[in-house]
């Protein structure tokens, strides 16, 4: 089992983001969910909101508008209508 996750976010307008992260929370359509390394695979729709992720002690965020998420083999792929890094 890996001790990190690979987060990948892609939008139709060409925004592409890839980062190795320790954990992630996302605004699922049926409620917010979290993903840690070794999580079982699944797919979900996402509402507009913040993808929050941790790398070491830093917590960062990306704002998304409606999306799909796939979690498999410690890789999280998010296909979003739009995405923007938050400061």
Protein backbone atom coordinates (compact mmCIF):
# COMPACT_ATOMS: atom_id res chain seq x y z
CA UNK A 1 0.00 0.00 0.00
CA UNK A 2 1.31 3.44 -0.94
CA UNK A 3 1.59 6.18 1.66
CA UNK A 4 0.67 8.98 -0.77
CA UNK A 5 -2.04 9.73 -3.32
CA UNK A 6 -1.71 11.23 -6.78
CA UNK A 7 -4.30 13.98 -7.36
CA UNK A 8 -5.02 14.89 -10.98
CA UNK A 9 -7.55 17.54 -12.05
CA UNK A 10 -8.40 18.25 -15.70
CA UNK A 11 -10.84 20.75 -17.25
CA UNK A 12 -12.08 21.20 -20.84
CA UNK A 13 -10.37 24.63 -21.11
CA UNK A 14 -6.94 23.06 -20.64
CA UNK A 15 -6.38 23.48 -16.89
CA UNK A 16 -4.30 20.55 -15.70
CA UNK A 17 -3.04 19.96 -12.17
CA UNK A 18 -1.13 17.02 -10.71
CA UNK A 19 0.22 16.77 -7.18
CA UNK A 20 1.25 14.06 -4.74
CA UNK A 21 -0.88 14.46 -1.59
CA UNK A 22 -1.34 12.80 1.82
CA UNK A 23 -5.14 13.07 1.95
CA UNK A 24 -8.06 14.77 0.21
CA UNK A 25 -11.63 15.86 0.90
CA UNK A 26 -14.12 16.59 -1.87
CA UNK A 27 -17.70 17.94 -2.11
CA UNK A 28 -19.54 14.81 -3.26
CA UNK A 29 -23.10 15.22 -4.50
CA UNK A 30 -24.31 13.05 -1.59
CA UNK A 31 -22.00 14.73 0.92
CA UNK A 32 -18.36 15.53 1.51
CA UNK A 33 -16.00 12.55 1.46
CA UNK A 34 -12.37 11.95 2.32
CA UNK A 35 -9.73 9.78 0.67
CA UNK A 36 -6.59 8.37 2.29
CA UNK A 37 -3.94 6.12 0.74
CA UNK A 38 -5.24 2.57 0.28
CA UNK A 39 -8.87 3.71 -0.12
CA UNK A 40 -11.11 1.35 -2.04
CA UNK A 41 -11.89 2.42 -5.61
CA UNK A 42 -15.10 4.28 -6.46
CA UNK A 43 -16.61 6.95 -8.72
CA UNK A 44 -18.67 9.94 -7.65
CA UNK A 45 -20.22 13.12 -8.97
CA UNK A 46 -19.02 16.31 -7.28
CA UNK A 47 -20.87 19.52 -6.52
CA UNK A 48 -19.24 22.90 -6.99
CA UNK A 49 -17.00 23.67 -4.02
CA UNK A 50 -13.51 23.16 -2.66
CA UNK A 51 -11.22 20.19 -3.09
CA UNK A 52 -9.04 20.33 0.04
CA UNK A 53 -5.83 18.35 0.26
CA UNK A 54 -2.87 18.00 2.60
CA UNK A 55 0.79 17.77 1.70
CA UNK A 56 2.82 17.40 4.87
CA UNK A 57 1.54 19.98 7.35
CA UNK A 58 0.15 22.32 4.64
CA UNK A 59 -3.53 22.29 3.68
CA UNK A 60 -4.32 23.61 0.20
CA UNK A 61 -7.51 24.00 -1.85
CA UNK A 62 -8.77 24.09 -5.41
CA UNK A 63 -12.18 25.52 -6.27
CA UNK A 64 -14.13 23.39 -8.77
CA UNK A 65 -17.43 23.62 -10.60
CA UNK A 66 -19.39 20.40 -11.08
CA UNK A 67 -17.19 17.41 -11.71
CA UNK A 68 -16.72 13.66 -11.75
CA UNK A 69 -14.19 11.90 -9.53
CA UNK A 70 -12.59 8.48 -9.87
CA UNK A 71 -10.53 6.94 -7.08
CA UNK A 72 -8.45 3.88 -7.97
CA UNK A 73 -5.05 2.53 -6.95
CA UNK A 74 -4.08 5.62 -4.91
CA UNK A 75 -4.86 7.88 -7.88
CA UNK A 76 -7.67 10.47 -7.82
CA UNK A 77 -8.79 11.77 -11.21
CA UNK A 78 -11.19 14.72 -11.23
CA UNK A 79 -12.78 15.90 -14.48
CA UNK A 80 -14.26 19.33 -13.70
CA UNK A 81 -16.13 21.96 -15.71
CA UNK A 82 -13.66 24.50 -14.26
CA UNK A 83 -11.00 24.65 -11.55
CA UNK A 84 -8.98 27.39 -9.89
CA UNK A 85 -6.15 27.20 -7.35
CA UNK A 86 -6.99 28.97 -4.07
CA UNK A 87 -4.46 31.08 -2.14
